[in-house]
Amino acid sequence: MTQTNPVRTERRGDVTVVWLTGELDLLAVQQCEPRLRELCSSAGTALVVDLEGLTFLASSGLSMLVGLSELCRTRGTALRVRATSRTVLRPIQLTGLDAQLGVRGEGSLEDVVREVAPAAAAGSGE
């Protein structure tokens, strides 16, 4: 991930979309975790984290995603993680975190945003 802008975001109605790119290792986690936590707190009612641009996912990245999931749950923010590349999806599946993180391994970003939008409108956090 680049040090200048590790987190790129865009608002799509009630859904905030976040793109992470490059390697999500310990250094990248230290750079982007504060921003992701802030977004979870201020995202409105839904947050989609798109990992399509990642080339590597370290255990520290998995840990960060788990923490983000727990924070979003307590804040009532629906969270979905889009991870369609095998490089990123496989470690998530092997650790059994795909269900907890709301991982979507298929479909376009637009599909995931549409899926989470009703939860955002309802403010369900699920």
Protein backbone atom coordinates (compact mmCIF):
# COMPACT_ATOMS: atom_id res chain seq x y z
CA MET A 1 0.00 0.00 0.00
CA THR A 2 1.29 3.45 -0.72
CA GLN A 3 2.28 5.56 2.21
CA THR A 4 0.78 8.72 0.71
CA ASN A 5 -2.80 7.44 0.40
CA PRO A 6 -3.25 3.95 1.83
CA VAL A 7 -7.04 4.15 1.88
CA ARG A 8 -9.17 5.40 -1.00
CA THR A 9 -12.86 5.97 -0.27
CA GLU A 10 -16.02 6.91 -2.07
CA ARG A 11 -19.53 7.51 -0.78
CA ARG A 12 -22.35 5.76 -2.67
CA GLY A 13 -25.57 6.84 -1.02
CA ASP A 14 -25.62 5.38 2.50
CA VAL A 15 -22.67 3.09 1.70
CA THR A 16 -19.00 4.04 2.08
CA VAL A 17 -16.70 2.03 -0.21
CA VAL A 18 -13.04 1.59 0.73
CA TRP A 19 -10.34 0.27 -1.60
CA LEU A 20 -7.12 -1.26 -0.27
CA THR A 21 -4.30 -2.04 -2.69
CA GLY A 22 -0.84 -3.59 -2.65
CA GLU A 23 0.31 -5.57 0.37
CA LEU A 24 -1.70 -5.57 3.58
CA ASP A 25 1.19 -6.34 5.93
CA LEU A 26 2.06 -4.93 9.35
CA LEU A 27 3.32 -1.62 8.00
CA ALA A 28 0.25 -1.13 5.83
CA VAL A 29 -2.04 -2.02 8.75
CA GLN A 30 -0.37 0.64 10.88
CA GLN A 31 -0.98 3.15 8.10
CA CYS A 32 -4.59 2.34 7.27
CA GLU A 33 -6.19 0.96 10.45
CA PRO A 34 -6.85 4.36 12.09
CA ARG A 35 -8.62 5.58 8.94
CA LEU A 36 -10.70 2.41 8.64
CA ARG A 37 -11.77 2.65 12.28
CA GLU A 38 -12.72 6.28 11.72
CA LEU A 39 -14.73 5.32 8.64
CA CYS A 40 -16.55 2.61 10.56
CA SER A 41 -17.56 5.18 13.14
CA SER A 42 -18.62 7.80 10.59
CA ALA A 43 -19.56 5.73 7.55
CA GLY A 44 -23.25 6.11 8.13
CA THR A 45 -24.77 2.68 8.19
CA ALA A 46 -22.73 0.56 5.76
CA LEU A 47 -19.10 0.00 4.86
CA VAL A 48 -17.75 -2.07 1.96
CA VAL A 49 -14.03 -2.88 1.98
CA ASP A 50 -12.82 -3.94 -1.47
CA LEU A 51 -9.66 -6.06 -1.32
CA GLU A 52 -9.54 -6.71 -5.07
CA GLY A 53 -6.35 -4.63 -5.41
CA LEU A 54 -4.41 -6.52 -2.73
CA THR A 55 -1.47 -8.67 -3.77
CA PHE A 56 -0.73 -10.01 -0.26
CA LEU A 57 -2.71 -10.43 2.96
CA ALA A 58 -0.66 -10.98 6.13
CA SER A 59 -2.00 -12.24 9.45
CA SER A 60 -1.85 -8.64 10.72
CA GLY A 61 -4.23 -7.69 7.90
CA LEU A 62 -6.61 -10.48 8.90
CA SER A 63 -6.46 -9.32 12.49
CA MET A 64 -7.22 -5.74 11.44
CA LEU A 65 -10.26 -6.91 9.46
CA VAL A 66 -11.56 -8.88 12.47
CA GLY A 67 -11.18 -5.81 14.68
CA LEU A 68 -12.95 -3.69 12.09
CA SER A 69 -15.78 -6.23 11.93
CA GLU A 70 -16.21 -6.12 15.71
CA LEU A 71 -16.14 -2.32 15.77
CA CYS A 72 -18.70 -2.07 12.97
CA ARG A 73 -20.96 -4.53 14.77
CA THR A 74 -20.89 -2.46 17.98
CA ARG A 75 -21.52 0.76 16.02
CA GLY A 76 -24.42 -0.70 14.06
CA THR A 77 -22.56 -0.37 10.76
CA ALA A 78 -23.14 -3.12 8.20
CA LEU A 79 -19.81 -4.43 6.86
CA ARG A 80 -19.05 -6.39 3.72
CA VAL A 81 -15.60 -7.35 2.49
CA ARG A 82 -15.12 -8.02 -1.22
CA ALA A 83 -12.26 -10.43 -1.90
CA THR A 84 -12.42 -12.16 -5.26
CA SER A 85 -8.75 -12.96 -5.87
CA ARG A 86 -7.53 -16.34 -4.65
CA THR A 87 -4.44 -14.71 -3.13
CA VAL A 88 -6.62 -12.81 -0.67
CA LEU A 89 -9.69 -15.01 -0.42
CA ARG A 90 -7.83 -18.23 0.40
CA PRO A 91 -6.29 -17.09 3.73
CA ILE A 92 -9.65 -15.68 4.79
CA GLN A 93 -11.38 -18.98 4.03
CA LEU A 94 -8.64 -21.12 5.62
CA THR A 95 -9.00 -19.21 8.89
CA GLY A 96 -12.79 -19.51 8.79
CA LEU A 97 -13.22 -15.74 8.89
CA ASP A 98 -15.24 -15.41 5.69
CA ALA A 99 -18.61 -15.58 7.46
CA GLN A 100 -17.58 -13.30 10.35
CA LEU A 101 -16.21 -10.68 7.97
CA GLY A 102 -19.16 -10.77 5.59
CA VAL A 103 -16.83 -11.73 2.74
CA ARG A 104 -18.17 -11.79 -0.78
CA GLY A 105 -15.90 -13.83 -3.06
CA GLU A 106 -17.99 -13.41 -6.18
CA GLY A 107 -19.74 -10.61 -7.98
CA SER A 108 -18.91 -7.05 -8.81
CA LEU A 109 -18.39 -4.22 -6.39
CA GLU A 110 -21.75 -2.84 -7.50
CA ASP A 111 -23.40 -6.14 -6.53
CA VAL A 112 -21.92 -5.93 -3.03
CA VAL A 113 -22.96 -2.29 -2.63
CA ARG A 114 -26.51 -3.15 -3.74
CA GLU A 115 -26.57 -6.07 -1.30
CA VAL A 116 -25.53 -3.99 1.69
CA ALA A 117 -27.64 -0.93 0.79
CA PRO A 118 -30.90 -2.38 2.22
CA ALA A 119 -29.08 -3.12 5.50
CA ALA A 120 -27.83 0.47 5.45
CA ALA A 121 -31.34 1.79 4.90
CA ALA A 122 -32.64 -0.36 7.76
CA GLY A 123 -29.67 0.48 9.99
CA SER A 124 -29.43 -3.18 10.91
CA GLY A 125 -25.66 -3.56 11.24
CA GLU A 126 -25.97 -7.05 9.77
